[in-house]
Structure formats: structure tokens, C-alpha cells
Protein backbone atom coordinates (compact mmCIF):
# COMPACT_ATOMS: atom_id res chain seq x y z
CA MET A 1 -0.39 58.28 1.36
CA LYS A 2 -3.54 58.71 3.64
CA LYS A 3 -6.27 61.04 2.26
CA VAL A 4 -7.97 64.00 4.14
CA TYR A 5 -11.06 65.67 2.71
CA ILE A 6 -11.63 69.36 3.83
CA SER A 7 -15.24 70.51 3.72
CA ALA A 8 -16.22 74.08 4.36
CA THR A 9 -18.23 76.83 2.76
CA TYR A 10 -15.87 78.83 0.32
CA ASN A 11 -15.65 82.52 0.72
CA ASP A 12 -16.04 83.02 4.36
CA LEU A 13 -13.60 80.07 5.27
CA LYS A 14 -11.09 80.36 2.43
CA GLU A 15 -8.21 81.50 4.73
CA CYS A 16 -8.82 78.81 7.27
CA ARG A 17 -9.16 76.06 4.45
CA GLU A 18 -5.98 77.05 2.99
CA ALA A 19 -4.00 77.10 6.25
CA VAL A 20 -5.29 73.67 7.31
CA MET A 21 -4.58 72.12 3.92
CA GLN A 22 -0.90 73.44 4.10
CA ALA A 23 -0.53 72.06 7.54
CA LEU A 24 -1.90 68.59 6.55
CA GLN A 25 0.28 68.42 3.61
CA LYS A 26 3.43 69.13 5.66
CA MET A 27 2.32 66.07 7.84
CA GLY A 28 2.40 64.02 4.91
CA TYR A 29 -1.47 63.61 3.97
CA GLU A 30 -3.00 64.06 0.58
CA VAL A 31 -5.53 66.78 0.80
CA ARG A 32 -8.58 67.09 -1.34
CA CYS A 33 -11.03 70.01 -1.07
CA MET A 34 -13.30 72.28 -3.13
CA GLU A 35 -10.07 74.08 -4.47
CA ASN A 36 -9.72 70.76 -6.69
CA TYR A 37 -12.84 71.56 -8.58
CA VAL A 38 -13.57 75.34 -8.91
CA ALA A 39 -13.30 78.47 -6.87
CA THR A 40 -16.96 78.79 -5.99
CA ASP A 41 -19.68 77.34 -3.70
CA GLU A 42 -21.35 75.95 -6.81
CA ARG A 43 -19.33 72.78 -7.44
CA VAL A 44 -20.69 69.45 -8.53
CA ASP A 45 -22.15 67.67 -5.46
CA ALA A 46 -21.66 64.19 -6.88
CA ARG A 47 -17.91 64.66 -7.55
CA CYS A 48 -17.37 65.90 -3.97
CA THR A 49 -19.40 63.35 -2.13
CA THR A 50 -17.56 60.63 -4.28
CA ASP A 51 -14.22 62.28 -3.15
CA VAL A 52 -15.41 62.18 0.59
CA ALA A 53 -16.09 58.34 0.35
CA GLU A 54 -12.47 57.58 -0.88
CA CYS A 55 -10.74 59.60 2.06
CA ASP A 56 -9.54 58.26 5.19
CA PHE A 57 -10.23 61.57 7.20
CA TYR A 58 -12.81 63.91 6.71
CA VAL A 59 -12.35 67.48 8.35
CA GLY A 60 -15.45 69.75 8.31
CA ILE A 61 -15.17 73.42 9.19
CA LEU A 62 -18.33 75.25 10.15
CA ALA A 63 -18.81 78.96 10.84
CA LEU A 64 -22.22 80.76 10.46
CA ARG A 65 -22.92 80.08 6.79
CA TYR A 66 -25.03 77.27 5.56
CA GLY A 67 -23.68 77.32 1.95
CA TRP A 68 -24.83 76.51 -1.44
CA ILE A 69 -27.64 73.96 -1.94
CA PRO A 70 -27.34 72.11 -5.24
CA PRO A 71 -30.35 71.70 -7.54
CA GLY A 72 -32.80 69.26 -6.52
CA GLN A 73 -31.50 68.96 -3.01
CA GLU A 74 -32.78 70.05 0.35
CA ARG A 75 -29.21 70.06 2.03
CA SER A 76 -26.14 72.25 1.27
CA ILE A 77 -23.20 70.66 -0.33
CA THR A 78 -21.21 71.07 3.02
CA GLU A 79 -23.94 69.13 4.96
CA LEU A 80 -24.33 66.55 2.32
CA GLU A 81 -20.41 66.01 2.37
CA TYR A 82 -20.72 65.74 6.13
CA ARG A 83 -23.56 63.06 5.85
CA LYS A 84 -21.70 60.98 3.39
CA ALA A 85 -18.52 61.07 5.56
CA ARG A 86 -20.45 59.87 8.61
CA ALA A 87 -22.06 57.08 6.57
CA GLN A 88 -18.45 55.68 5.39
CA PRO A 89 -17.24 52.96 7.87
CA ARG A 90 -13.77 53.77 6.89
CA THR A 91 -13.90 57.52 6.99
CA ARG A 92 -12.94 59.13 10.29
CA CYS A 93 -15.15 62.23 10.61
CA LEU A 94 -13.80 65.27 12.44
CA MET A 95 -15.79 68.39 12.73
CA PHE A 96 -14.66 71.94 13.94
CA LEU A 97 -17.11 74.60 14.76
CA LEU A 98 -16.58 78.38 15.05
CA LYS A 99 -17.10 79.44 18.68
CA ASP A 100 -20.36 81.32 19.50
CA ASP A 101 -18.26 84.32 20.88
CA ALA A 102 -15.57 84.46 18.21
CA PRO A 103 -15.58 87.85 16.30
CA TRP A 104 -16.88 87.28 12.88
CA PRO A 105 -17.67 89.58 9.73
CA GLN A 106 -21.63 90.22 9.65
CA LYS A 107 -21.60 89.57 5.95
CA TRP A 108 -20.74 85.95 6.69
CA ILE A 109 -23.64 85.30 9.15
CA ASP A 110 -26.59 83.83 7.39
CA ALA A 111 -28.90 84.70 10.32
CA LEU A 112 -28.60 88.42 9.51
CA HIS A 113 -29.38 87.93 5.90
CA ASP A 114 -31.36 84.76 5.09
CA PRO A 115 -33.53 83.49 7.77
CA GLU A 116 -33.97 80.06 6.09
CA SER A 117 -30.25 79.42 5.68
CA GLY A 118 -29.71 80.83 9.18
CA ALA A 119 -32.04 78.19 10.56
CA LYS A 120 -30.42 75.42 8.73
CA ILE A 121 -26.92 76.34 10.02
CA ARG A 122 -28.27 76.91 13.52
CA ASP A 123 -29.79 73.34 13.45
CA LEU A 124 -26.83 71.72 11.98
CA ARG A 125 -24.42 73.25 14.69
CA LYS A 126 -26.93 72.31 17.39
CA GLU A 127 -26.69 68.62 16.09
CA LEU A 128 -22.81 68.72 16.36
CA ASP A 129 -22.62 70.52 19.64
CA GLY A 130 -21.05 68.12 22.07
CA ILE A 131 -19.77 65.72 19.53
CA ALA A 132 -17.42 68.19 17.41
CA SER A 133 -13.78 67.38 17.46
CA GLY A 134 -13.01 71.06 18.47
CA MET A 135 -13.91 74.64 18.42
CA PHE A 136 -11.92 77.53 17.07
CA SER A 137 -12.00 81.29 17.21
CA SER A 138 -9.06 82.11 14.80
CA VAL A 139 -6.94 80.43 11.99
CA GLY A 140 -4.46 79.30 14.24
CA ASP A 141 -6.86 77.75 16.94
CA LEU A 142 -8.20 75.80 13.89
CA VAL A 143 -4.91 74.64 12.29
CA GLN A 144 -3.53 73.31 15.82
CA GLY A 145 -6.95 71.47 16.72
CA VAL A 146 -6.89 69.80 13.28
CA MET A 147 -3.51 68.75 13.33
CA ALA A 148 -3.93 67.29 16.99
CA ALA A 149 -7.10 65.55 16.13
CA ILE A 150 -5.77 63.92 13.01
CA HIS A 151 -2.65 62.70 14.69
CA VAL A 152 -4.93 61.18 17.43
CA GLU A 153 -7.44 59.69 15.08
CA ASP A 154 -4.56 58.26 12.95
CA SER A 155 -3.08 56.57 15.83
CA LYS A 156 -6.42 54.96 16.87
CA THR A 157 -6.80 53.91 13.16
CA TRP A 158 -3.48 52.41 13.10
CA LYS A 159 -3.99 50.54 16.58
CA LEU A 160 -7.40 49.21 15.55
CA ALA A 161 -6.00 48.11 12.19
CA LEU A 162 -2.91 46.52 13.82
CA GLN A 163 -5.07 44.63 16.33
CA GLY A 164 -7.24 43.05 13.81
CA GLU A 165 -4.26 42.42 11.57
CA PHE A 166 -2.05 40.99 14.43
CA GLU A 167 -4.76 38.19 15.26
CA ASP A 168 -5.02 37.47 11.52
CA SER A 169 -1.34 37.40 10.83
CA LEU A 170 -0.68 35.55 13.92
CA ARG A 171 -3.19 32.98 12.69
CA ARG A 172 -1.88 32.71 9.29
CA SER A 173 1.68 32.57 10.38
CA ARG A 174 1.11 29.73 12.58
CA VAL A 175 3.04 26.75 11.50
CA ASP A 176 2.12 23.95 13.80
CA GLN A 177 -0.57 23.59 16.65
CA VAL A 178 1.88 21.33 18.68
CA SER A 179 -0.63 20.42 21.26
CA ALA A 180 -3.06 18.61 18.89
CA PRO A 181 -1.25 16.20 16.63
CA GLN A 182 -4.43 14.67 15.62
CA SER A 183 -5.39 17.80 13.88
CA LEU A 184 -2.22 18.01 11.89
CA PRO A 185 -2.68 16.32 8.52
CA ASN A 186 0.49 16.96 6.35
CA THR A 187 0.22 20.00 4.33
CA SER A 188 2.51 22.10 2.27
CA TYR A 189 3.70 24.14 5.08
CA LYS A 190 3.73 21.87 8.38
CA LEU A 191 4.46 18.13 8.44
CA PHE A 192 3.67 15.91 11.20
CA LEU A 193 5.59 12.62 11.59
CA GLY A 194 3.54 10.24 13.61
CA ASN A 195 6.61 7.87 14.50
CA SER A 196 9.88 6.84 13.28
CA ASP A 197 8.76 3.96 10.92
CA ILE A 198 10.78 4.02 7.77
CA SER A 199 7.95 4.33 5.57
CA GLN A 200 6.64 7.38 7.37
CA ILE A 201 10.10 8.92 7.20
CA ILE A 202 10.25 8.38 3.34
CA ASP A 203 6.71 9.82 3.18
CA VAL A 204 7.26 12.97 4.92
CA LEU A 205 10.57 13.52 3.07
CA GLN A 206 8.92 12.96 -0.43
CA THR A 207 6.06 15.45 0.64
CA ALA A 208 8.39 18.07 1.68
CA ILE A 209 10.16 17.77 -1.59
CA ARG A 210 6.91 18.13 -3.74
CA SER A 211 6.10 21.23 -1.61
CA ALA A 212 9.42 22.78 -2.58
CA GLY A 213 9.77 26.29 -1.06
CA GLU A 214 6.79 25.91 1.38
CA ALA A 215 7.25 23.06 3.81
CA ARG A 216 9.56 24.71 6.51
CA LEU A 217 9.02 22.63 9.59
CA VAL A 218 8.65 19.01 10.56
CA ARG A 219 7.29 18.00 13.94
CA ILE A 220 8.20 14.76 15.85
CA ASP A 221 7.18 13.34 19.13
CA LEU A 222 9.91 11.47 20.91
CA ALA A 223 7.31 9.35 22.90
CA THR A 224 5.50 7.79 19.94
CA ALA A 225 5.17 4.11 19.64
CA GLY A 226 8.65 2.64 19.08
CA GLY A 227 10.41 5.87 20.22
CA TRP A 228 13.12 7.54 18.07
CA TRP A 229 16.50 6.00 17.42
CA GLN A 230 19.48 8.33 16.61
CA THR A 231 20.01 6.57 13.36
CA ARG A 232 16.26 7.47 12.24
CA LEU A 233 16.60 11.01 13.38
CA LEU A 234 20.06 11.56 11.59
CA LEU A 235 18.48 10.07 8.47
CA LEU A 236 15.51 12.23 8.57
CA ALA A 237 17.51 15.57 9.34
CA SER A 238 20.28 14.86 6.77
CA LEU A 239 17.78 14.22 4.07
CA LEU A 240 15.64 17.04 4.86
CA ASP A 241 18.57 19.21 4.88
CA ARG A 242 19.98 18.04 1.74
CA TYR A 243 16.74 17.74 -0.39
CA THR A 244 14.18 20.11 0.98
CA ASP A 245 13.59 23.77 2.22
CA VAL A 246 12.59 22.45 5.65
CA ALA A 247 14.46 24.77 8.33
CA GLU A 248 13.85 23.02 11.57
CA LEU A 249 12.49 20.08 13.68
CA VAL A 250 9.88 20.93 16.16
CA PHE A 251 10.30 18.51 19.17
CA ALA A 252 7.48 17.25 21.43
CA ASP A 253 7.29 14.46 24.07
CA ASN A 254 3.94 12.81 24.85
CA ASN A 255 2.39 15.55 22.80
CA ARG A 256 4.00 18.38 24.76
CA PHE A 257 6.36 20.83 23.03
CA PHE A 258 9.72 21.33 24.35
CA GLY A 259 11.72 23.08 21.60
CA THR A 260 13.04 23.31 18.12
CA CYS A 261 16.29 22.74 16.61
CA SER A 262 17.87 23.39 13.19
CA LEU A 263 18.44 20.45 10.81
CA SER A 264 22.24 21.16 10.66
CA ALA A 265 22.47 21.53 14.46
CA THR A 266 20.87 18.05 14.83
CA CYS A 267 23.07 16.40 12.33
CA ARG A 268 26.04 17.83 13.92
CA ALA A 269 24.96 16.78 17.35
CA ILE A 270 24.37 13.05 16.18
CA GLY A 271 27.22 12.87 13.70
CA ASP A 272 29.82 14.28 16.71
CA ALA A 273 28.37 11.48 19.05
CA PHE A 274 28.06 8.68 16.55
CA PRO A 275 30.57 9.21 13.79
CA ILE A 276 30.43 5.69 12.43
CA ILE A 277 26.65 6.02 11.73
CA ALA A 278 27.27 9.46 10.18
CA ARG A 279 29.95 7.93 7.83
CA ALA A 280 27.76 5.07 7.06
CA LEU A 281 24.96 7.58 5.93
CA ASN A 282 27.30 9.75 3.99
CA GLU A 283 28.42 6.64 1.98
CA CYS A 284 24.90 6.06 0.93
CA LEU A 285 24.33 9.63 -0.59
CA PRO A 286 24.77 9.96 -4.25
CA ASP A 287 27.33 12.46 -5.56
CA ARG A 288 24.46 14.40 -7.09
CA ALA A 289 20.73 14.46 -6.87
CA GLY A 290 18.79 12.74 -9.59
CA PHE A 291 16.28 14.15 -11.87
CA ASP A 292 13.49 12.77 -9.53
CA ALA A 293 14.63 13.80 -6.10
CA THR A 294 11.72 11.82 -4.58
CA ALA A 295 13.11 8.70 -6.17
CA ASP A 296 16.42 9.24 -4.62
CA ILE A 297 15.07 9.27 -1.13
CA GLN A 298 13.72 5.65 -1.41
CA ASP A 299 17.12 4.43 -2.86
CA ILE A 300 19.18 6.25 -0.03
CA VAL A 301 16.90 4.77 2.86
CA VAL A 302 17.25 1.27 1.30
CA ARG A 303 21.03 1.72 0.98
CA PHE A 304 21.36 3.03 4.47
CA SER A 305 19.34 0.12 5.86
CA GLU A 306 21.55 -2.45 4.07
CA LYS A 307 24.66 -0.50 5.29
CA LEU A 308 23.39 -0.91 8.96
CA LEU A 309 23.04 -4.56 8.35
CA GLU A 310 26.39 -4.95 7.10
CA MET A 311 27.63 -3.41 10.25
CA GLY A 312 25.70 -5.80 12.56
CA GLY A 313 22.11 -4.31 12.16
CA GLU A 314 20.44 -1.12 13.17
CA GLU A 315 19.52 -2.45 16.50
CA LYS A 316 23.32 -2.96 17.40
CA HIS A 317 24.19 0.70 16.99
CA ALA A 318 20.84 2.40 17.88
CA ARG A 319 20.33 4.52 20.95
CA ARG A 320 17.05 6.01 22.12
CA VAL A 321 16.85 9.75 21.83
CA ALA A 322 15.27 11.06 24.79
CA GLN A 323 14.24 14.81 25.59
CA HIS A 324 17.25 15.41 27.74
CA VAL A 325 19.69 14.37 24.83
CA VAL A 326 17.85 16.79 22.29
CA THR A 327 17.92 19.80 24.71
CA ALA A 328 21.84 19.31 24.99
CA PHE A 329 22.10 19.88 21.19
CA ARG A 330 24.13 23.02 20.28
CA GLY A 331 21.50 25.10 18.65
CA PHE A 332 18.60 23.66 20.50
CA ASN A 333 15.86 26.31 21.33
CA GLY A 334 13.40 25.85 24.19
CA GLU A 335 12.27 29.16 24.83
CA ARG A 336 8.65 30.01 24.54
CA LEU A 337 6.91 33.44 24.49
CA THR A 338 3.99 33.65 26.76
CA PHE A 339 1.65 36.75 26.19
CA ASP A 340 0.49 38.61 28.98
CA PRO A 341 -3.49 38.71 28.78
CA HIS A 342 -3.20 42.59 29.60
CA GLN A 343 -0.91 43.18 26.68
CA ASP A 344 -2.44 44.99 23.72
CA SER A 345 -1.79 44.11 20.11
CA ILE A 346 1.13 46.63 19.92
CA GLN A 347 2.88 45.36 22.77
CA ARG A 348 2.38 41.54 21.73
CA GLN A 349 3.68 42.17 18.14
CA ARG A 350 6.70 43.88 19.63
CA ALA A 351 7.42 41.08 21.80
CA LEU A 352 7.27 38.66 18.87
CA LEU A 353 9.26 40.86 16.60
CA GLU A 354 12.04 41.33 19.14
CA LYS A 355 12.84 37.65 19.12
CA LYS A 356 16.31 36.90 17.39
CA TYR A 357 15.24 33.59 15.63
CA GLN A 358 12.77 32.91 12.88
CA PHE A 359 10.32 30.24 14.43
CA VAL A 360 8.90 31.46 17.74
CA ALA A 361 6.96 29.07 20.15
CA VAL A 362 4.03 31.14 21.30
CA GLU A 363 1.82 30.46 24.27
CA GLU A 364 -1.16 32.86 23.79
CA GLU A 365 -2.31 32.09 27.33
CA PRO A 366 -0.80 30.11 30.02
CA ASP A 367 -1.17 26.28 29.52
CA SER A 368 -3.25 27.00 26.36
CA GLY A 369 -1.00 25.04 24.09
CA VAL A 370 2.03 26.17 22.08
CA THR A 371 1.96 27.54 18.52
CA ILE A 372 4.97 27.82 16.37
CA VAL A 373 4.92 31.36 14.63
CA ASP A 374 7.07 32.12 11.59
CA ARG A 375 8.55 35.56 12.89
CA LEU A 376 9.64 36.60 9.40
CA GLN A 377 6.54 36.01 7.73
CA PHE A 378 4.67 37.80 10.51
CA ALA A 379 7.05 40.71 10.27
CA SER A 380 6.37 41.01 6.48
CA LYS A 381 2.62 41.32 7.17
CA VAL A 382 3.25 43.95 9.93
CA ALA A 383 5.60 45.86 7.58
CA ALA A 384 2.83 45.72 4.74
CA LEU A 385 0.30 46.97 7.20
CA ALA A 386 2.57 49.87 8.12
CA LEU A 387 3.38 50.79 4.42
CA ALA A 388 -0.50 50.48 3.81
CA ASN A 389 -1.20 53.19 6.60
CA LEU A 390 1.38 55.73 5.51
């Protein structure tokens, strides 16, 4: 719950303060004001300024009284609170001034009774003239002005926070900078497979197993040296599906992203087209995983290679996997989201969150390269931001 601090001299603005406090509480804000201390102008200035610094919004109300000056100070507690609020980067400062022509009891006009205080309130009001959030002549005017100003400023705060959080969350939610494979060493969250060499397949599988619960994508390039055979792709997808938390393969061709596909859809497509190969691989899988799953991988790959040799060798059954083959897989997703450079952060996050699938290919500018973003991870960050701003 966001906090609002209400600052005003006590006796002359008691009714105004009470009405504003009730209105803001109905809007869902936590309100702090001098009533939290004692019913007098002579409250502890250190406590007040500390509370100001902890609030998201400061609402200052000035009429024609300057207010109590704490011992050892040259400024009133009301002005000290205002100065403190202005000095806080996180606090939005909103000031409301009584209109010059508003009817007001003479006993609450310092200029008529205390020339020194009258001069101070006149100087402070002059400083705020033109930068105040609103003017009022009645309690009703004041309440409506404060409610409108708080709503507008809260929206601004949300948008500014969202803009920064959007950029940061987008950066942290990136899974794979597909256009730059040389900058993609294997990590716990994104795995780049340089080619279809058996030793590299084993290494990626074992890395994905060791980073259990974290590695979600594996990127492969169909145009790497030697290309990809359907035998190797089936082996990779099947073992990733069986032994790891990897969800999808990210496909590129000559370093250019062209889509993603789930492990199960990849296995199904290859298995339907090459049932003999699929059966051979299934025969090499153990009935249950061993205590050390990384050791299983080595054994399975060796057995699969031996099985293919018994069937006349891998070259006899292998078929090159081209881009047009993968795009025909049922479950293949070749869509990419290109941000309009004129969109603001809210429009961009809405466009991203409206996608139905978890991993979204994002092109932040035309021809800027594709980034894979985990939509669910990003959504959780946006939700956390929203809760933090309630």
C-alpha cells in the first residue's frame, strides 16, 4: 500500500486535513499526518520529517498561517516537511494553496497578528506560486484537487517505474541472442550447440542435466559444418525431453533465427517420418534412469550408434534436416514480435504478454537481431512490480 503524508498547520486547516485524509484512505492509500502524533502544532520535527522521507507522496496544504517553528530552527515544521519532501527522489511533492480571494477567518491570517510570521508565509506562498499542484477556496475544492493530482502522479510513477522495469526485465528475461552465436557460451539458462558432433551433443545434454530446473532452451544452427541429420536431432530432442527441463529447441539457419519447436513436437515429427529410427532409439533407452543421469547419456549414445551400425550404418538412414523440413513440424512456431519504435513501455509489455506461448521471439527494432524472451518469467516480474506499486 502506497503512503501519503499530509502536511498542514493544525488548527486553521483541521477540517481540510481530515477530509483529504478520509478521501485518500478510501482510494486505498495509507495516510500519515500530524494526527499520528499529538493534536497540536508543537509536534516533534524529527519524527515528522522522517515519516515524510518514507512516503511515496507528500500533500502540503498552505493557507495564511506559517505555523510552529521548532526550537533551534528558523523554519516552521510545515516548511521543514515540504523541504524534506522536495529533497527525496522517491517522494512526489504536491502543494495546494488557499486562493488569495478565498474567504478566510481573520484569526487564522498571520499577516494581521504576527508580521514576522506573515512575511514568512507570504514568501513561501510566493515561492510556490506557479508550481503548486492546485488552488482551493473550500474543503470540497481541495479534496477534488488532491484526489485528481494523486491519481495523475500515481499513474506517472507507475509508467516511469514500468518503463525502467520493462527494459530491465526484458534484458533479464532474454534467453538467447540468436544473431550472435559466438557470444553464447553454455550457461545454466541458454545452451548453444555448435554442430551435430556426437561429443557436443553429449556435452550439451550433460550440461542441461547438471543445471536442472534452469536450462530451458537449446539453440542449434542447421547450417553449421556437417549440417544436422534427423538421427542426431531425434537423439538430442529425445534425451533432452527425457532427462532435462529444457522445453524447446531454438532453430537458426546460417545464424538467422527462424523459429522454435517443443521437444515433444520435434520427436513426434521425426518419429512419424522415420519410425525405424525412432524404434531403434527407444530400444537403447534404459527402463529407468540411473543414479547418475549424466552417465546414462554416454551409454545411450554409444548403444544408439551401435544399433545404427547393426542397421547398416547411420549414413544409410540419415537424412539432412533443412529449414523447410523443420517449419513443417506440427507445433513449430516461426512468429516473431517486432516492437514499434513509437510504442511506449506499457504498449510493448502488453504486446509481449498477449502472446499465447511461453518463449517469444522479439525483434526490438527491424533487422536488429532476434532475442528469445521467457514470457512467463517476464510476466512474473511485471506482476511483482504491480503489487509493489499498490
